[in-house]
C-alpha atoms as a PDB file:
ATOM      1  CA  MET A   1    -159.272  78.525 113.870  1.00  0.00           C
ATOM      2  CA  LYS A   2    -157.990  78.602 117.299  1.00  0.00           C
ATOM      3  CA  ARG A   3    -158.724  75.894 119.686  1.00  0.00           C
ATOM      4  CA  LYS A   4    -159.899  78.022 121.871  1.00  0.00           C
ATOM      5  CA  GLN A   5    -162.080  80.384 119.789  1.00  0.00           C
ATOM      6  CA  PHE A   6    -163.234  76.920 118.050  1.00  0.00           C
ATOM      7  CA  ILE A   7    -164.489  75.236 121.787  1.00  0.00           C
ATOM      8  CA  LYS A   8    -166.207  78.506 122.020  1.00  0.00           C
ATOM      9  CA  THR A   9    -168.286  78.659 118.934  1.00  0.00           C
ATOM     10  CA  SER A  10    -169.043  75.161 119.384  1.00  0.00           C
ATOM     11  CA  ILE A  11    -170.507  75.489 122.628  1.00  0.00           C
ATOM     12  CA  LEU A  12    -172.557  78.464 121.364  1.00  0.00           C
ATOM     13  CA  SER A  13    -173.986  76.160 118.819  1.00  0.00           C
ATOM     14  CA  ALA A  14    -174.345  73.304 120.990  1.00  0.00           C
ATOM     15  CA  THR A  15    -176.161  75.728 123.826  1.00  0.00           C
ATOM     16  CA  ALA A  16    -178.749  77.183 120.976  1.00  0.00           C
ATOM     17  CA  LEU A  17    -179.521  73.986 119.410  1.00  0.00           C
ATOM     18  CA  ALA A  18    -180.495  72.348 123.074  1.00  0.00           C
ATOM     19  CA  VAL A  19    -182.721  75.345 123.311  1.00  0.00           C
ATOM     20  CA  LEU A  20    -184.131  74.820 119.708  1.00  0.00           C
ATOM     21  CA  PRO A  21    -182.648  71.731 118.114  1.00  0.00           C
ATOM     22  CA  HIS A  22    -185.056  72.062 114.535  1.00  0.00           C
ATOM     23  CA  LEU A  23    -184.441  75.062 113.912  1.00  0.00           C
ATOM     24  CA  SER A  24    -180.760  76.275 112.025  1.00  0.00           C
ATOM     25  CA  PHE A  25    -178.461  78.083 114.038  1.00  0.00           C
ATOM     26  CA  THR A  26    -176.076  79.427 111.476  1.00  0.00           C
ATOM     27  CA  ALA A  27    -176.019  82.702 113.312  1.00  0.00           C
ATOM     28  CA  VAL A  28    -174.899  81.878 116.511  1.00  0.00           C
ATOM     29  CA  GLN A  29    -171.454  80.806 115.176  1.00  0.00           C
ATOM     30  CA  GLN A  30    -170.264  84.331 115.152  1.00  0.00           C
ATOM     31  CA  GLN A  31    -168.954  87.165 117.158  1.00  0.00           C
ATOM     32  CA  PHE A  32    -170.760  90.164 117.810  1.00  0.00           C
ATOM     33  CA  THR A  33    -168.571  93.929 118.132  1.00  0.00           C
ATOM     34  CA  LEU A  34    -169.587  96.414 121.145  1.00  0.00           C
ATOM     35  CA  ASN A  35    -171.452  98.269 118.504  1.00  0.00           C
ATOM     36  CA  GLN A  36    -173.669  95.075 117.715  1.00  0.00           C
ATOM     37  CA  LEU A  37    -174.280  94.885 121.452  1.00  0.00           C
ATOM     38  CA  ILE A  38    -175.027  98.128 122.375  1.00  0.00           C
ATOM     39  CA  GLY A  39    -177.232  99.430 119.489  1.00  0.00           C
ATOM     40  CA  LYS A  40    -174.815 101.324 117.285  1.00  0.00           C
ATOM     41  CA  GLY A  41    -174.559  99.054 114.582  1.00  0.00           C
ATOM     42  CA  ASN A  42    -175.330  95.679 113.329  1.00  0.00           C
ATOM     43  CA  PRO A  43    -174.593  94.737 109.613  1.00  0.00           C
ATOM     44  CA  ASP A  44    -177.205  92.126 110.509  1.00  0.00           C
ATOM     45  CA  ILE A  45    -180.284  94.509 111.049  1.00  0.00           C
ATOM     46  CA  VAL A  46    -182.872  94.759 107.646  1.00  0.00           C
ATOM     47  CA  GLY A  47    -186.237  96.357 107.210  1.00  0.00           C
ATOM     48  CA  ASP A  48    -186.786  99.819 107.021  1.00  0.00           C
ATOM     49  CA  SER A  49    -188.758 101.130 109.868  1.00  0.00           C
ATOM     50  CA  TYR A  50    -188.647 101.011 113.604  1.00  0.00           C
ATOM     51  CA  THR A  51    -191.420  98.056 113.183  1.00  0.00           C
ATOM     52  CA  SER A  52    -190.008  96.244 110.503  1.00  0.00           C
ATOM     53  CA  LYS A  53    -186.102  95.950 111.138  1.00  0.00           C
ATOM     54  CA  MET A  54    -184.902  92.967 112.966  1.00  0.00           C
ATOM     55  CA  HIS A  55    -181.912  90.303 112.901  1.00  0.00           C
ATOM     56  CA  LYS A  56    -182.192  89.064 109.977  1.00  0.00           C
ATOM     57  CA  GLU A  57    -182.319  85.243 111.426  1.00  0.00           C
ATOM     58  CA  ALA A  58    -185.351  86.757 113.343  1.00  0.00           C
ATOM     59  CA  LYS A  59    -187.146  88.087 110.890  1.00  0.00           C
ATOM     60  CA  LYS A  60    -186.651  84.880 108.993  1.00  0.00           C
ATOM     61  CA  ALA A  61    -188.544  83.680 112.323  1.00  0.00           C
ATOM     62  CA  PHE A  62    -191.365  86.141 112.798  1.00  0.00           C
ATOM     63  CA  LEU A  63    -192.616  86.141 109.513  1.00  0.00           C
ATOM     64  CA  LYS A  64    -192.891  82.069 109.384  1.00  0.00           C
ATOM     65  CA  MET A  65    -194.383  83.340 112.865  1.00  0.00           C
ATOM     66  CA  LYS A  66    -196.592  86.090 111.802  1.00  0.00           C
ATOM     67  CA  LYS A  67    -197.924  83.884 108.630  1.00  0.00           C
ATOM     68  CA  ALA A  68    -199.052  80.700 110.744  1.00  0.00           C
ATOM     69  CA  ALA A  69    -200.771  82.936 113.142  1.00  0.00           C
ATOM     70  CA  ALA A  70    -202.522  84.344 110.572  1.00  0.00           C
ATOM     71  CA  GLU A  71    -204.037  80.733 109.814  1.00  0.00           C
ATOM     72  CA  GLU A  72    -205.897  81.580 113.200  1.00  0.00           C
ATOM     73  CA  ASN A  73    -207.203  84.959 111.929  1.00  0.00           C
ATOM     74  CA  ILE A  74    -204.055  86.322 114.548  1.00  0.00           C
ATOM     75  CA  GLN A  75    -202.312  89.208 112.638  1.00  0.00           C
ATOM     76  CA  ILE A  76    -199.470  89.888 114.143  1.00  0.00           C
ATOM     77  CA  GLU A  77    -198.531  93.447 114.399  1.00  0.00           C
ATOM     78  CA  VAL A  78    -195.076  94.760 115.437  1.00  0.00           C
ATOM     79  CA  VAL A  79    -195.232  97.852 117.793  1.00  0.00           C
ATOM     80  CA  SER A  80    -191.414  97.657 118.060  1.00  0.00           C
ATOM     81  CA  ALA A  81    -188.667  96.130 117.086  1.00  0.00           C
ATOM     82  CA  TYR A  82    -184.756  96.799 116.615  1.00  0.00           C
ATOM     83  CA  ARG A  83    -183.920  99.765 118.395  1.00  0.00           C
ATOM     84  CA  SER A  84    -180.409 102.325 118.134  1.00  0.00           C
ATOM     85  CA  PHE A  85    -178.863 103.394 121.076  1.00  0.00           C
ATOM     86  CA  GLU A  86    -179.726 106.947 120.427  1.00  0.00           C
ATOM     87  CA  ARG A  87    -183.710 105.944 119.690  1.00  0.00           C
ATOM     88  CA  GLN A  88    -183.352 104.291 123.355  1.00  0.00           C
ATOM     89  CA  LYS A  89    -181.239 107.378 124.730  1.00  0.00           C
ATOM     90  CA  GLN A  90    -183.962 109.854 123.684  1.00  0.00           C
ATOM     91  CA  ILE A  91    -186.615 107.582 125.255  1.00  0.00           C
ATOM     92  CA  PHE A  92    -184.889 107.581 128.125  1.00  0.00           C
ATOM     93  CA  GLU A  93    -183.795 111.207 128.562  1.00  0.00           C
ATOM     94  CA  GLY A  94    -186.963 112.163 127.652  1.00  0.00           C
ATOM     95  CA  LYS A  95    -188.511 110.918 130.536  1.00  0.00           C
ATOM     96  CA  TYR A  96    -185.723 111.401 133.153  1.00  0.00           C
ATOM     97  CA  ASN A  97    -186.228 114.943 131.919  1.00  0.00           C
ATOM     98  CA  ARG A  98    -189.916 114.449 132.533  1.00  0.00           C
ATOM     99  CA  PHE A  99    -189.755 113.115 136.166  1.00  0.00           C
ATOM    100  CA  THR A 100    -187.190 115.792 137.283  1.00  0.00           C
ATOM    101  CA  ASN A 101    -189.212 117.998 135.910  1.00  0.00           C
ATOM    102  CA  GLN A 102    -192.136 116.923 138.251  1.00  0.00           C
ATOM    103  CA  GLY A 103    -190.007 116.919 141.376  1.00  0.00           C
ATOM    104  CA  LEU A 104    -188.968 113.811 141.484  1.00  0.00           C
ATOM    105  CA  SER A 105    -184.998 113.742 142.353  1.00  0.00           C
ATOM    106  CA  PRO A 106    -182.275 111.878 139.620  1.00  0.00           C
ATOM    107  CA  THR A 107    -182.165 108.386 141.646  1.00  0.00           C
ATOM    108  CA  GLU A 108    -186.092 108.304 141.802  1.00  0.00           C
ATOM    109  CA  ALA A 109    -186.457 109.870 138.466  1.00  0.00           C
ATOM    110  CA  ILE A 110    -184.264 106.262 137.179  1.00  0.00           C
ATOM    111  CA  GLU A 111    -185.839 103.759 139.093  1.00  0.00           C
ATOM    112  CA  LYS A 112    -189.239 104.883 138.001  1.00  0.00           C
ATOM    113  CA  ILE A 113    -188.262 104.894 134.436  1.00  0.00           C
ATOM    114  CA  ILE A 114    -186.619 101.353 134.607  1.00  0.00           C
ATOM    115  CA  GLU A 115    -189.773 100.144 135.592  1.00  0.00           C
ATOM    116  CA  TYR A 116    -190.480  99.322 132.091  1.00  0.00           C
ATOM    117  CA  SER A 117    -187.607 101.305 130.322  1.00  0.00           C
ATOM    118  CA  THR A 118    -184.252 100.290 129.840  1.00  0.00           C
ATOM    119  CA  ILE A 119    -181.266 102.554 129.686  1.00  0.00           C
ATOM    120  CA  PRO A 120    -179.391 102.834 126.478  1.00  0.00           C
ATOM    121  CA  GLY A 121    -176.799 100.526 125.962  1.00  0.00           C
ATOM    122  CA  THR A 122    -178.516  97.734 127.635  1.00  0.00           C
ATOM    123  CA  SER A 123    -181.310  97.204 126.056  1.00  0.00           C
ATOM    124  CA  ARG A 124    -182.061  93.546 124.300  1.00  0.00           C
ATOM    125  CA  HIS A 125    -183.833  95.571 121.317  1.00  0.00           C
ATOM    126  CA  HIS A 126    -180.176  96.578 120.828  1.00  0.00           C
ATOM    127  CA  TRP A 127    -179.555  93.074 118.722  1.00  0.00           C
ATOM    128  CA  GLY A 128    -182.862  92.915 116.703  1.00  0.00           C
ATOM    129  CA  THR A 129    -183.997  90.039 118.407  1.00  0.00           C
ATOM    130  CA  ASP A 130    -186.990  91.210 120.479  1.00  0.00           C
ATOM    131  CA  ILE A 131    -189.988  92.268 119.156  1.00  0.00           C
ATOM    132  CA  ASP A 132    -193.344  93.492 120.744  1.00  0.00           C
ATOM    133  CA  ILE A 133    -196.077  92.971 119.409  1.00  0.00           C
ATOM    134  CA  ILE A 134    -200.170  92.431 119.619  1.00  0.00           C
ATOM    135  CA  ASP A 135    -202.932  91.394 117.558  1.00  0.00           C
ATOM    136  CA  GLY A 136    -203.975  94.024 114.577  1.00  0.00           C
ATOM    137  CA  ASN A 137    -207.214  91.748 113.808  1.00  0.00           C
ATOM    138  CA  ALA A 138    -208.292  93.065 117.475  1.00  0.00           C
ATOM    139  CA  PRO A 139    -209.692  96.550 118.690  1.00  0.00           C
ATOM    140  CA  ARG A 140    -207.229  98.520 119.362  1.00  0.00           C
ATOM    141  CA  PRO A 141    -207.263 100.460 122.880  1.00  0.00           C
ATOM    142  CA  LYS A 142    -205.350 104.052 123.714  1.00  0.00           C
ATOM    143  CA  ASN A 143    -202.193 102.563 125.151  1.00  0.00           C
ATOM    144  CA  VAL A 144    -201.709  99.136 123.375  1.00  0.00           C
ATOM    145  CA  LEU A 145    -198.879  97.866 125.739  1.00  0.00           C
ATOM    146  CA  GLN A 146    -201.101  97.317 129.204  1.00  0.00           C
ATOM    147  CA  PRO A 147    -200.549  93.858 130.364  1.00  0.00           C
ATOM    148  CA  GLU A 148    -204.231  93.545 131.179  1.00  0.00           C
ATOM    149  CA  HIS A 149    -205.045  93.783 127.357  1.00  0.00           C
ATOM    150  CA  PHE A 150    -203.730  90.500 126.915  1.00  0.00           C
ATOM    151  CA  HIS A 151    -205.562  88.698 130.232  1.00  0.00           C
ATOM    152  CA  GLY A 152    -209.044  88.004 131.478  1.00  0.00           C
ATOM    153  CA  THR A 153    -211.346  90.194 128.403  1.00  0.00           C
ATOM    154  CA  GLY A 154    -208.314  92.039 127.026  1.00  0.00           C
ATOM    155  CA  PRO A 155    -208.407  92.421 123.384  1.00  0.00           C
ATOM    156  CA  PHE A 156    -204.817  90.625 122.929  1.00  0.00           C
ATOM    157  CA  CYS A 157    -205.802  87.523 124.506  1.00  0.00           C
ATOM    158  CA  LYS A 158    -206.465  85.647 121.389  1.00  0.00           C
ATOM    159  CA  LEU A 159    -202.806  86.467 120.579  1.00  0.00           C
ATOM    160  CA  LYS A 160    -201.254  85.818 124.316  1.00  0.00           C
ATOM    161  CA  SER A 161    -202.956  82.640 123.944  1.00  0.00           C
ATOM    162  CA  TRP A 162    -201.787  81.771 120.697  1.00  0.00           C
ATOM    163  CA  LEU A 163    -198.489  82.486 121.741  1.00  0.00           C
ATOM    164  CA  THR A 164    -198.594  80.792 124.757  1.00  0.00           C
ATOM    165  CA  GLU A 165    -199.138  77.742 122.882  1.00  0.00           C
ATOM    166  CA  ASN A 166    -196.669  78.392 119.859  1.00  0.00           C
ATOM    167  CA  ALA A 167    -194.306  81.000 119.982  1.00  0.00           C
ATOM    168  CA  ASN A 168    -191.131  78.737 120.825  1.00  0.00           C
ATOM    169  CA  SER A 169    -191.683  76.670 118.171  1.00  0.00           C
ATOM    170  CA  PHE A 170    -190.768  79.970 116.296  1.00  0.00           C
ATOM    171  CA  GLY A 171    -187.879  80.556 118.368  1.00  0.00           C
ATOM    172  CA  PHE A 172    -189.490  82.820 120.419  1.00  0.00           C
ATOM    173  CA  TYR A 173    -189.824  83.155 123.755  1.00  0.00           C
ATOM    174  CA  GLU A 174    -191.264  85.958 126.397  1.00  0.00           C
ATOM    175  CA  VAL A 175    -188.632  87.716 128.121  1.00  0.00           C
ATOM    176  CA  TYR A 176    -190.537  89.296 131.396  1.00  0.00           C
ATOM    177  CA  THR A 177    -192.456  86.643 132.545  1.00  0.00           C
ATOM    178  CA  ASP A 178    -195.225  86.846 134.871  1.00  0.00           C
ATOM    179  CA  ASN A 179    -193.273  85.260 137.768  1.00  0.00           C
ATOM    180  CA  ALA A 180    -193.909  86.696 141.292  1.00  0.00           C
ATOM    181  CA  ASN A 181    -190.046  85.722 142.421  1.00  0.00           C
ATOM    182  CA  ARG A 182    -188.700  87.614 139.075  1.00  0.00           C
ATOM    183  CA  LYS A 183    -187.192  91.341 139.751  1.00  0.00           C
ATOM    184  CA  GLY A 184    -186.084  94.091 137.305  1.00  0.00           C
ATOM    185  CA  PHE A 185    -188.782  95.014 134.600  1.00  0.00           C
ATOM    186  CA  LYS A 186    -192.369  93.897 135.296  1.00  0.00           C
ATOM    187  CA  TYR A 187    -194.294  91.675 133.261  1.00  0.00           C
ATOM    188  CA  GLU A 188    -194.527  92.487 129.491  1.00  0.00           C
ATOM    189  CA  PRO A 189    -196.655  89.644 127.472  1.00  0.00           C
ATOM    190  CA  TRP A 190    -196.179  91.676 124.280  1.00  0.00           C
ATOM    191  CA  HIS A 191    -192.196  91.180 124.492  1.00  0.00           C
ATOM    192  CA  PHE A 192    -190.731  87.893 122.555  1.00  0.00           C
ATOM    193  CA  SER A 193    -186.972  87.552 121.909  1.00  0.00           C
ATOM    194  CA  TYR A 194    -185.851  85.176 119.187  1.00  0.00           C
ATOM    195  CA  ALA A 195    -183.773  82.728 121.627  1.00  0.00           C
ATOM    196  CA  PRO A 196    -181.092  81.073 118.550  1.00  0.00           C
ATOM    197  CA  VAL A 197    -179.517  84.825 118.178  1.00  0.00           C
ATOM    198  CA  SER A 198    -180.142  86.567 121.649  1.00  0.00           C
ATOM    199  CA  ILE A 199    -178.835  83.691 123.568  1.00  0.00           C
ATOM    200  CA  PRO A 200    -175.290  84.092 122.293  1.00  0.00           C
ATOM    201  CA  MET A 201    -175.635  88.143 122.095  1.00  0.00           C
ATOM    202  CA  LEU A 202    -176.852  88.356 125.918  1.00  0.00           C
ATOM    203  CA  GLN A 203    -173.393  85.669 126.530  1.00  0.00           C
ATOM    204  CA  GLU A 204    -171.274  87.695 124.579  1.00  0.00           C
ATOM    205  CA  TYR A 205    -172.996  91.003 126.444  1.00  0.00           C
ATOM    206  CA  LYS A 206    -172.428  89.387 129.837  1.00  0.00           C
ATOM    207  CA  LYS A 207    -168.923  90.335 129.445  1.00  0.00           C
ATOM    208  CA  LEU A 208    -168.860  93.686 128.874  1.00  0.00           C
ATOM    209  CA  ASP A 209    -167.941  96.475 131.298  1.00  0.00           C
ATOM    210  CA  VAL A 210    -171.584  98.400 131.497  1.00  0.00           C
ATOM    211  CA  LYS A 211    -171.075 101.289 133.964  1.00  0.00           C
ATOM    212  CA  ASP A 212    -168.078 102.739 131.822  1.00  0.00           C
ATOM    213  CA  ILE A 213    -169.576 102.225 128.667  1.00  0.00           C
ATOM    214  CA  LEU A 214    -172.985 104.422 130.275  1.00  0.00           C
ATOM    215  CA  GLN A 215    -170.255 107.017 131.654  1.00  0.00           C
ATOM    216  CA  LYS A 216    -168.712 107.352 128.777  1.00  0.00           C
ATOM    217  CA  GLU A 217    -171.614 107.722 126.021  1.00  0.00           C
ATOM    218  CA  LYS A 218    -172.581 110.869 129.030  1.00  0.00           C
ATOM    219  CA  ILE A 219    -176.432 109.731 129.130  1.00  0.00           C
ATOM    220  CA  LYS A 220    -178.180 112.503 131.151  1.00  0.00           C
ATOM    221  CA  GLY A 221    -178.470 110.661 134.878  1.00  0.00           C
ATOM    222  CA  SER A 222    -175.405 108.631 134.578  1.00  0.00           C
ATOM    223  CA  GLU A 223    -173.355 110.158 137.308  1.00  0.00           C
ATOM    224  CA  HIS A 224    -176.059 108.498 139.743  1.00  0.00           C
ATOM    225  CA  PHE A 225    -175.537 105.297 138.167  1.00  0.00           C
ATOM    226  CA  SER A 226    -173.039 104.000 141.454  1.00  0.00           C
ATOM    227  CA  GLU A 227    -171.362 100.357 141.397  1.00  0.00           C
ATOM    228  CA  ALA A 228    -174.520  98.836 143.463  1.00  0.00           C
ATOM    229  CA  PHE A 229    -176.505 100.690 141.207  1.00  0.00           C
ATOM    230  CA  ILE A 230    -175.173  98.842 138.232  1.00  0.00           C
ATOM    231  CA  GLU A 231    -174.606  95.294 139.676  1.00  0.00           C
ATOM    232  CA  LYS A 232    -178.005  95.570 140.840  1.00  0.00           C
ATOM    233  CA  TYR A 233    -179.155  96.575 137.614  1.00  0.00           C
ATOM    234  CA  ARG A 234    -177.233  94.077 135.603  1.00  0.00           C
ATOM    235  CA  SER A 235    -178.204  91.152 137.757  1.00  0.00           C
ATOM    236  CA  GLU A 236    -182.184  91.952 137.903  1.00  0.00           C
ATOM    237  CA  ASN A 237    -182.950  93.868 134.827  1.00  0.00           C
ATOM    238  CA  VAL A 238    -180.509  92.317 132.523  1.00  0.00           C
ATOM    239  CA  LEU A 239    -180.094  88.972 133.775  1.00  0.00           C
ATOM    240  CA  ASP A 240    -183.298  87.805 135.788  1.00  0.00           C
ATOM    241  CA  ILE A 241    -185.682  87.448 132.939  1.00  0.00           C
ATOM    242  CA  ASN A 242    -187.456  83.983 131.442  1.00  0.00           C
ATOM    243  CA  PRO A 243    -184.198  80.877 132.337  1.00  0.00           C
ATOM    244  CA  GLU A 244    -184.925  79.724 129.043  1.00  0.00           C
ATOM    245  CA  LEU A 245    -183.138  83.152 127.044  1.00  0.00           C
ATOM    246  CA  LEU A 246    -180.031  82.950 129.615  1.00  0.00           C
ATOM    247  CA  SER A 247    -178.417  79.626 128.191  1.00  0.00           C
END
C-alpha cells in the first residue's frame, strides 16, 4: 500500500473509532467509487426491497438495534432505506413536474422540492447507510413522516424517546436535527444514519464536482442549477447536518 493511501485509510479508521470506539470499522477501510456515491451501484448493498436494502454493515447494526427496541415493545419499521439514483430521479422529477404545472417557476419548484427531498445524485439514501423509520406497533397516521408524529402525543413519541436514548450506541445518528441554527433540509426525526460507514462516504463525496455530475445526468430542471445554487445546496443541504456525522 502506498504511503499516502495508508495514511488516508488510517485517518478514516481513526475517525470512525473516535466516534464509536466500541464498534468494528472494517467497512471504512475501503475506497468508494463514483457509482457508489451517487446511487448507481454498490456491491455492499444487501436486501431485496426498498425498505430492506442497506449497506451490509448498516444492516447488521440495524438488526441489533431493532432487536433491542423490540424488548421495549417498539417495532422499528423501515419506511425507506437504500434509494437508487433512478428512484430519486423519479421522485425529484415527479415533484418538479407537479409544482411547475401548478404555476411555480422552475427555481421556485426546485426550492420547494429541496425542503425535504434531495436532488438525485446527492441523497444520503444512495449510500445504504440511512433509514427512515417509524414504530410499527403504534397507530399509523395517513402521512407517517411528519415531525409532529414524533413529539407531544404523536404515535411515534415512544420510538423517538427510545432512539434519543439508544440509537447512538448502535452507530445510528439523527441527520437533520431540530436545531434552529441549522439550514438546508427541514427537521426529520425519522431519518437516521449509520455513522461508521456514512462518515467516510461523506468525506469522499465532498471531493466530487456535484454541478458537473448533475448536468451530465440531464436531470429535469438542472439547467437552473447555477454555481451559486450548487454551492449553497452543498453547504446547507449536504453539509449542514448533525455535527456527529461530519467527521
